[in-house]
Amino acid sequence: MSVQAREFQEINDDEAVAHALLKACNGDPIAAIVSVVRDAEFLTDQLEIARTLLSHGMGRGWKPEFDRSA
């Protein structure tokens, strides 16, 4: 988990999360976006690994979705 994620892990409001992320990145919006993109890439990689390693039966038919609905 990234340093930024640890700082706002328990926040449920999207706007509050955005403000906490900006604060964690010292107000730099580019650094905040880079952090989010890197986290998304990492989590996508983790889903790919899980999809590869988990058998169909173990996941009881569950397959990860890589695209999310907005």
PDB file of N, CA and C in Angstrom:
ATOM      1  N   MET A   1       0.844  -1.176   0.000  1.00  0.00           N
ATOM      2  CA  MET A   1       0.000   0.000   0.000  1.00  0.00           C
ATOM      3  C   MET A   1       0.888   1.237   0.000  1.00  0.00           C
ATOM      4  N   SER A   2       0.537   2.177  -0.843  1.00  0.00           N
ATOM      5  CA  SER A   2       1.351   3.377  -0.947  1.00  0.00           C
ATOM      6  C   SER A   2       1.199   4.244   0.301  1.00  0.00           C
ATOM      7  N   VAL A   3       2.154   5.150   0.480  1.00  0.00           N
ATOM      8  CA  VAL A   3       2.105   6.062   1.625  1.00  0.00           C
ATOM      9  C   VAL A   3       0.805   6.847   1.594  1.00  0.00           C
ATOM     10  N   GLN A   4       0.412   7.318   0.422  1.00  0.00           N
ATOM     11  CA  GLN A   4      -0.804   8.102   0.312  1.00  0.00           C
ATOM     12  C   GLN A   4      -2.021   7.277   0.711  1.00  0.00           C
ATOM     13  N   ALA A   5      -2.086   6.029   0.291  1.00  0.00           N
ATOM     14  CA  ALA A   5      -3.242   5.189   0.594  1.00  0.00           C
ATOM     15  C   ALA A   5      -3.389   4.989   2.093  1.00  0.00           C
ATOM     16  N   ARG A   6      -2.297   4.842   2.801  1.00  0.00           N
ATOM     17  CA  ARG A   6      -2.361   4.654   4.246  1.00  0.00           C
ATOM     18  C   ARG A   6      -2.968   5.871   4.935  1.00  0.00           C
ATOM     19  N   GLU A   7      -2.735   7.052   4.392  1.00  0.00           N
ATOM     20  CA  GLU A   7      -3.188   8.274   5.048  1.00  0.00           C
ATOM     21  C   GLU A   7      -4.689   8.501   4.922  1.00  0.00           C
ATOM     22  N   PHE A   8      -5.342   7.970   3.893  1.00  0.00           N
ATOM     23  CA  PHE A   8      -6.776   8.198   3.749  1.00  0.00           C
ATOM     24  C   PHE A   8      -7.560   6.915   3.533  1.00  0.00           C
ATOM     25  N   GLN A   9      -7.036   5.853   4.031  1.00  0.00           N
ATOM     26  CA  GLN A   9      -7.640   4.541   3.873  1.00  0.00           C
ATOM     27  C   GLN A   9      -9.070   4.470   4.418  1.00  0.00           C
ATOM     28  N   GLU A  10      -9.356   5.141   5.513  1.00  0.00           N
ATOM     29  CA  GLU A  10     -10.653   5.028   6.165  1.00  0.00           C
ATOM     30  C   GLU A  10     -11.655   6.095   5.722  1.00  0.00           C
ATOM     31  N   ILE A  11     -11.302   6.954   4.791  1.00  0.00           N
ATOM     32  CA  ILE A  11     -12.199   8.020   4.338  1.00  0.00           C
ATOM     33  C   ILE A  11     -13.165   7.445   3.308  1.00  0.00           C
ATOM     34  N   ASN A  12     -14.460   7.699   3.486  1.00  0.00           N
ATOM     35  CA  ASN A  12     -15.470   7.153   2.586  1.00  0.00           C
ATOM     36  C   ASN A  12     -15.978   8.157   1.553  1.00  0.00           C
ATOM     37  N   ASP A  13     -15.755   9.433   1.764  1.00  0.00           N
ATOM     38  CA  ASP A  13     -16.229  10.483   0.871  1.00  0.00           C
ATOM     39  C   ASP A  13     -15.195  10.721  -0.230  1.00  0.00           C
ATOM     40  N   ASP A  14     -15.628  10.622  -1.498  1.00  0.00           N
ATOM     41  CA  ASP A  14     -14.695  10.759  -2.622  1.00  0.00           C
ATOM     42  C   ASP A  14     -13.955  12.093  -2.615  1.00  0.00           C
ATOM     43  N   GLU A  15     -14.661  13.170  -2.326  1.00  0.00           N
ATOM     44  CA  GLU A  15     -14.013  14.481  -2.316  1.00  0.00           C
ATOM     45  C   GLU A  15     -12.984  14.571  -1.196  1.00  0.00           C
ATOM     46  N   ALA A  16     -13.303  14.008  -0.048  1.00  0.00           N
ATOM     47  CA  ALA A  16     -12.352  14.002   1.069  1.00  0.00           C
ATOM     48  C   ALA A  16     -11.122  13.165   0.725  1.00  0.00           C
ATOM     49  N   VAL A  17     -11.333  12.074   0.004  1.00  0.00           N
ATOM     50  CA  VAL A  17     -10.203  11.243  -0.432  1.00  0.00           C
ATOM     51  C   VAL A  17      -9.310  12.045  -1.368  1.00  0.00           C
ATOM     52  N   ALA A  18      -9.920  12.784  -2.294  1.00  0.00           N
ATOM     53  CA  ALA A  18      -9.141  13.598  -3.228  1.00  0.00           C
ATOM     54  C   ALA A  18      -8.328  14.656  -2.487  1.00  0.00           C
ATOM     55  N   HIS A  19      -8.944  15.301  -1.502  1.00  0.00           N
ATOM     56  CA  HIS A  19      -8.218  16.307  -0.718  1.00  0.00           C
ATOM     57  C   HIS A  19      -7.082  15.676   0.084  1.00  0.00           C
ATOM     58  N   ALA A  20      -7.334  14.500   0.652  1.00  0.00           N
ATOM     59  CA  ALA A  20      -6.289  13.809   1.419  1.00  0.00           C
ATOM     60  C   ALA A  20      -5.136  13.392   0.511  1.00  0.00           C
ATOM     61  N   LEU A  21      -5.461  12.955  -0.701  1.00  0.00           N
ATOM     62  CA  LEU A  21      -4.420  12.574  -1.657  1.00  0.00           C
ATOM     63  C   LEU A  21      -3.576  13.786  -2.037  1.00  0.00           C
ATOM     64  N   LEU A  22      -4.220  14.907  -2.321  1.00  0.00           N
ATOM     65  CA  LEU A  22      -3.472  16.126  -2.636  1.00  0.00           C
ATOM     66  C   LEU A  22      -2.590  16.552  -1.468  1.00  0.00           C
ATOM     67  N   LYS A  23      -3.114  16.448  -0.260  1.00  0.00           N
ATOM     68  CA  LYS A  23      -2.328  16.800   0.926  1.00  0.00           C
ATOM     69  C   LYS A  23      -1.119  15.873   1.054  1.00  0.00           C
ATOM     70  N   ALA A  24      -1.330  14.577   0.822  1.00  0.00           N
ATOM     71  CA  ALA A  24      -0.237  13.605   0.923  1.00  0.00           C
ATOM     72  C   ALA A  24       0.832  13.853  -0.138  1.00  0.00           C
ATOM     73  N   CYS A  25       0.417  14.474  -1.247  1.00  0.00           N
ATOM     74  CA  CYS A  25       1.361  14.785  -2.332  1.00  0.00           C
ATOM     75  C   CYS A  25       1.807  16.242  -2.275  1.00  0.00           C
ATOM     76  N   ASN A  26       1.709  16.845  -1.105  1.00  0.00           N
ATOM     77  CA  ASN A  26       2.128  18.236  -0.885  1.00  0.00           C
ATOM     78  C   ASN A  26       1.457  19.212  -1.844  1.00  0.00           C
ATOM     79  N   GLY A  27       0.194  18.944  -2.184  1.00  0.00           N
ATOM     80  CA  GLY A  27      -0.568  19.842  -3.037  1.00  0.00           C
ATOM     81  C   GLY A  27      -0.248  19.749  -4.512  1.00  0.00           C
ATOM     82  N   ASP A  28       0.586  18.825  -4.910  1.00  0.00           N
ATOM     83  CA  ASP A  28       0.986  18.682  -6.316  1.00  0.00           C
ATOM     84  C   ASP A  28      -0.006  17.773  -7.043  1.00  0.00           C
ATOM     85  N   PRO A  29      -0.861  18.348  -7.916  1.00  0.00           N
ATOM     86  CA  PRO A  29      -1.870  17.527  -8.587  1.00  0.00           C
ATOM     87  C   PRO A  29      -1.266  16.498  -9.546  1.00  0.00           C
ATOM     88  N   ILE A  30      -0.147  16.819 -10.170  1.00  0.00           N
ATOM     89  CA  ILE A  30       0.501  15.859 -11.073  1.00  0.00           C
ATOM     90  C   ILE A  30       0.997  14.656 -10.284  1.00  0.00           C
ATOM     91  N   ALA A  31       1.616  14.895  -9.147  1.00  0.00           N
ATOM     92  CA  ALA A  31       2.085  13.788  -8.303  1.00  0.00           C
ATOM     93  C   ALA A  31       0.908  12.946  -7.822  1.00  0.00           C
ATOM     94  N   ALA A  32      -0.212  13.586  -7.529  1.00  0.00           N
ATOM     95  CA  ALA A  32      -1.398  12.851  -7.089  1.00  0.00           C
ATOM     96  C   ALA A  32      -1.913  11.943  -8.199  1.00  0.00           C
ATOM     97  N   ILE A  33      -1.973  12.459  -9.412  1.00  0.00           N
ATOM     98  CA  ILE A  33      -2.436  11.653 -10.546  1.00  0.00           C
ATOM     99  C   ILE A  33      -1.474  10.508 -10.814  1.00  0.00           C
ATOM    100  N   VAL A  34      -0.187  10.784 -10.781  1.00  0.00           N
ATOM    101  CA  VAL A  34       0.814   9.734 -10.989  1.00  0.00           C
ATOM    102  C   VAL A  34       0.654   8.642  -9.936  1.00  0.00           C
ATOM    103  N   SER A  35       0.424   9.026  -8.701  1.00  0.00           N
ATOM    104  CA  SER A  35       0.238   8.059  -7.622  1.00  0.00           C
ATOM    105  C   SER A  35      -0.979   7.173  -7.878  1.00  0.00           C
ATOM    106  N   VAL A  36      -2.080   7.783  -8.293  1.00  0.00           N
ATOM    107  CA  VAL A  36      -3.300   7.022  -8.565  1.00  0.00           C
ATOM    108  C   VAL A  36      -3.090   6.075  -9.746  1.00  0.00           C
ATOM    109  N   VAL A  37      -2.434   6.550 -10.795  1.00  0.00           N
ATOM    110  CA  VAL A  37      -2.179   5.701 -11.962  1.00  0.00           C
ATOM    111  C   VAL A  37      -1.287   4.526 -11.585  1.00  0.00           C
ATOM    112  N   ARG A  38      -0.246   4.782 -10.820  1.00  0.00           N
ATOM    113  CA  ARG A  38       0.647   3.689 -10.399  1.00  0.00           C
ATOM    114  C   ARG A  38      -0.088   2.676  -9.533  1.00  0.00           C
ATOM    115  N   ASP A  39      -0.932   3.169  -8.620  1.00  0.00           N
ATOM    116  CA  ASP A  39      -1.716   2.253  -7.787  1.00  0.00           C
ATOM    117  C   ASP A  39      -2.665   1.421  -8.642  1.00  0.00           C
ATOM    118  N   ALA A  40      -3.306   2.054  -9.628  1.00  0.00           N
ATOM    119  CA  ALA A  40      -4.219   1.323 -10.512  1.00  0.00           C
ATOM    120  C   ALA A  40      -3.474   0.261 -11.309  1.00  0.00           C
ATOM    121  N   GLU A  41      -2.289   0.600 -11.813  1.00  0.00           N
ATOM    122  CA  GLU A  41      -1.486  -0.380 -12.553  1.00  0.00           C
ATOM    123  C   GLU A  41      -1.092  -1.546 -11.655  1.00  0.00           C
ATOM    124  N   PHE A  42      -0.691  -1.244 -10.420  1.00  0.00           N
ATOM    125  CA  PHE A  42      -0.306  -2.291  -9.481  1.00  0.00           C
ATOM    126  C   PHE A  42      -1.484  -3.221  -9.197  1.00  0.00           C
ATOM    127  N   LEU A  43      -2.648  -2.635  -8.928  1.00  0.00           N
ATOM    128  CA  LEU A  43      -3.817  -3.451  -8.609  1.00  0.00           C
ATOM    129  C   LEU A  43      -4.278  -4.275  -9.808  1.00  0.00           C
ATOM    130  N   THR A  44      -4.162  -3.722 -11.009  1.00  0.00           N
ATOM    131  CA  THR A  44      -4.485  -4.483 -12.211  1.00  0.00           C
ATOM    132  C   THR A  44      -3.545  -5.666 -12.355  1.00  0.00           C
ATOM    133  N   ASP A  45      -2.272  -5.450 -12.104  1.00  0.00           N
ATOM    134  CA  ASP A  45      -1.301  -6.551 -12.138  1.00  0.00           C
ATOM    135  C   ASP A  45      -1.643  -7.616 -11.107  1.00  0.00           C
ATOM    136  N   GLN A  46      -2.046  -7.195  -9.910  1.00  0.00           N
ATOM    137  CA  GLN A  46      -2.401  -8.155  -8.868  1.00  0.00           C
ATOM    138  C   GLN A  46      -3.631  -8.970  -9.265  1.00  0.00           C
ATOM    139  N   LEU A  47      -4.615  -8.331  -9.896  1.00  0.00           N
ATOM    140  CA  LEU A  47      -5.785  -9.059 -10.383  1.00  0.00           C
ATOM    141  C   LEU A  47      -5.400 -10.061 -11.462  1.00  0.00           C
ATOM    142  N   GLU A  48      -4.492  -9.672 -12.328  1.00  0.00           N
ATOM    143  CA  GLU A  48      -4.037 -10.577 -13.388  1.00  0.00           C
ATOM    144  C   GLU A  48      -3.348 -11.795 -12.778  1.00  0.00           C
ATOM    145  N   ILE A  49      -2.524 -11.577 -11.770  1.00  0.00           N
ATOM    146  CA  ILE A  49      -1.852 -12.691 -11.091  1.00  0.00           C
ATOM    147  C   ILE A  49      -2.888 -13.592 -10.427  1.00  0.00           C
ATOM    148  N   ALA A  50      -3.863 -13.005  -9.741  1.00  0.00           N
ATOM    149  CA  ALA A  50      -4.903 -13.798  -9.083  1.00  0.00           C
ATOM    150  C   ALA A  50      -5.697 -14.599 -10.105  1.00  0.00           C
ATOM    151  N   ARG A  51      -6.022 -13.981 -11.234  1.00  0.00           N
ATOM    152  CA  ARG A  51      -6.776 -14.672 -12.282  1.00  0.00           C
ATOM    153  C   ARG A  51      -5.992 -15.859 -12.815  1.00  0.00           C
ATOM    154  N   THR A  52      -4.688 -15.685 -12.937  1.00  0.00           N
ATOM    155  CA  THR A  52      -3.838 -16.744 -13.465  1.00  0.00           C
ATOM    156  C   THR A  52      -3.673 -17.885 -12.469  1.00  0.00           C
ATOM    157  N   LEU A  53      -3.525 -17.562 -11.199  1.00  0.00           N
ATOM    158  CA  LEU A  53      -3.206 -18.572 -10.196  1.00  0.00           C
ATOM    159  C   LEU A  53      -4.416 -19.278  -9.593  1.00  0.00           C
ATOM    160  N   LEU A  54      -5.553 -18.606  -9.531  1.00  0.00           N
ATOM    161  CA  LEU A  54      -6.735 -19.218  -8.930  1.00  0.00           C
ATOM    162  C   LEU A  54      -7.432 -20.118  -9.936  1.00  0.00           C
ATOM    163  N   SER A  55      -7.752 -21.315  -9.492  1.00  0.00           N
ATOM    164  CA  SER A  55      -8.498 -22.213 -10.365  1.00  0.00           C
ATOM    165  C   SER A  55      -9.953 -21.755 -10.427  1.00  0.00           C
ATOM    166  N   HIS A  56     -10.652 -22.210 -11.441  1.00  0.00           N
ATOM    167  CA  HIS A  56     -12.059 -21.846 -11.614  1.00  0.00           C
ATOM    168  C   HIS A  56     -12.873 -22.311 -10.408  1.00  0.00           C
ATOM    169  N   GLY A  57     -12.598 -23.507  -9.918  1.00  0.00           N
ATOM    170  CA  GLY A  57     -13.331 -24.048  -8.777  1.00  0.00           C
ATOM    171  C   GLY A  57     -13.038 -23.317  -7.489  1.00  0.00           C
ATOM    172  N   MET A  58     -11.791 -22.937  -7.289  1.00  0.00           N
ATOM    173  CA  MET A  58     -11.418 -22.259  -6.048  1.00  0.00           C
ATOM    174  C   MET A  58     -12.130 -20.913  -5.929  1.00  0.00           C
ATOM    175  N   GLY A  59     -12.256 -20.220  -7.035  1.00  0.00           N
ATOM    176  CA  GLY A  59     -12.956 -18.938  -7.037  1.00  0.00           C
ATOM    177  C   GLY A  59     -14.453 -19.093  -7.183  1.00  0.00           C
ATOM    178  N   ARG A  60     -14.934 -20.328  -7.211  1.00  0.00           N
ATOM    179  CA  ARG A  60     -16.355 -20.651  -7.375  1.00  0.00           C
ATOM    180  C   ARG A  60     -16.952 -19.920  -8.571  1.00  0.00           C
ATOM    181  N   GLY A  61     -16.197 -19.900  -9.651  1.00  0.00           N
ATOM    182  CA  GLY A  61     -16.674 -19.289 -10.880  1.00  0.00           C
ATOM    183  C   GLY A  61     -16.399 -17.802 -10.996  1.00  0.00           C
ATOM    184  N   TRP A  62     -15.864 -17.189  -9.932  1.00  0.00           N
ATOM    185  CA  TRP A  62     -15.582 -15.753  -9.969  1.00  0.00           C
ATOM    186  C   TRP A  62     -14.417 -15.472 -10.904  1.00  0.00           C
ATOM    187  N   LYS A  63     -14.561 -14.460 -11.708  1.00  0.00           N
ATOM    188  CA  LYS A  63     -13.476 -13.986 -12.561  1.00  0.00           C
ATOM    189  C   LYS A  63     -13.347 -12.485 -12.344  1.00  0.00           C
ATOM    190  N   PRO A  64     -12.133 -11.982 -12.214  1.00  0.00           N
ATOM    191  CA  PRO A  64     -11.973 -10.540 -11.991  1.00  0.00           C
ATOM    192  C   PRO A  64     -12.398  -9.736 -13.210  1.00  0.00           C
ATOM    193  N   GLU A  65     -12.933  -8.579 -12.959  1.00  0.00           N
ATOM    194  CA  GLU A  65     -13.291  -7.634 -14.014  1.00  0.00           C
ATOM    195  C   GLU A  65     -12.218  -6.558 -14.057  1.00  0.00           C
ATOM    196  N   PHE A  66     -11.697  -6.304 -15.237  1.00  0.00           N
ATOM    197  CA  PHE A  66     -10.649  -5.301 -15.364  1.00  0.00           C
ATOM    198  C   PHE A  66     -11.206  -3.940 -15.747  1.00  0.00           C
ATOM    199  N   ASP A  67     -12.423  -3.909 -16.234  1.00  0.00           N
ATOM    200  CA  ASP A  67     -13.084  -2.646 -16.539  1.00  0.00           C
ATOM    201  C   ASP A  67     -14.180  -2.442 -15.510  1.00  0.00           C
ATOM    202  N   ARG A  68     -14.279  -1.220 -15.018  1.00  0.00           N
ATOM    203  CA  ARG A  68     -15.318  -0.950 -14.030  1.00  0.00           C
ATOM    204  C   ARG A  68     -16.348  -0.008 -14.635  1.00  0.00           C
ATOM    205  N   SER A  69     -17.558  -0.127 -14.149  1.00  0.00           N
ATOM    206  CA  SER A  69     -18.574   0.826 -14.587  1.00  0.00           C
ATOM    207  C   SER A  69     -18.455   2.065 -13.709  1.00  0.00           C
ATOM    208  N   ALA A  70     -18.610   3.221 -14.311  1.00  0.00           N
ATOM    209  CA  ALA A  70     -18.439   4.486 -13.589  1.00  0.00           C
ATOM    210  C   ALA A  70     -19.544   4.681 -12.659  1.00  0.00           C
TER     211      ALA A  70
END
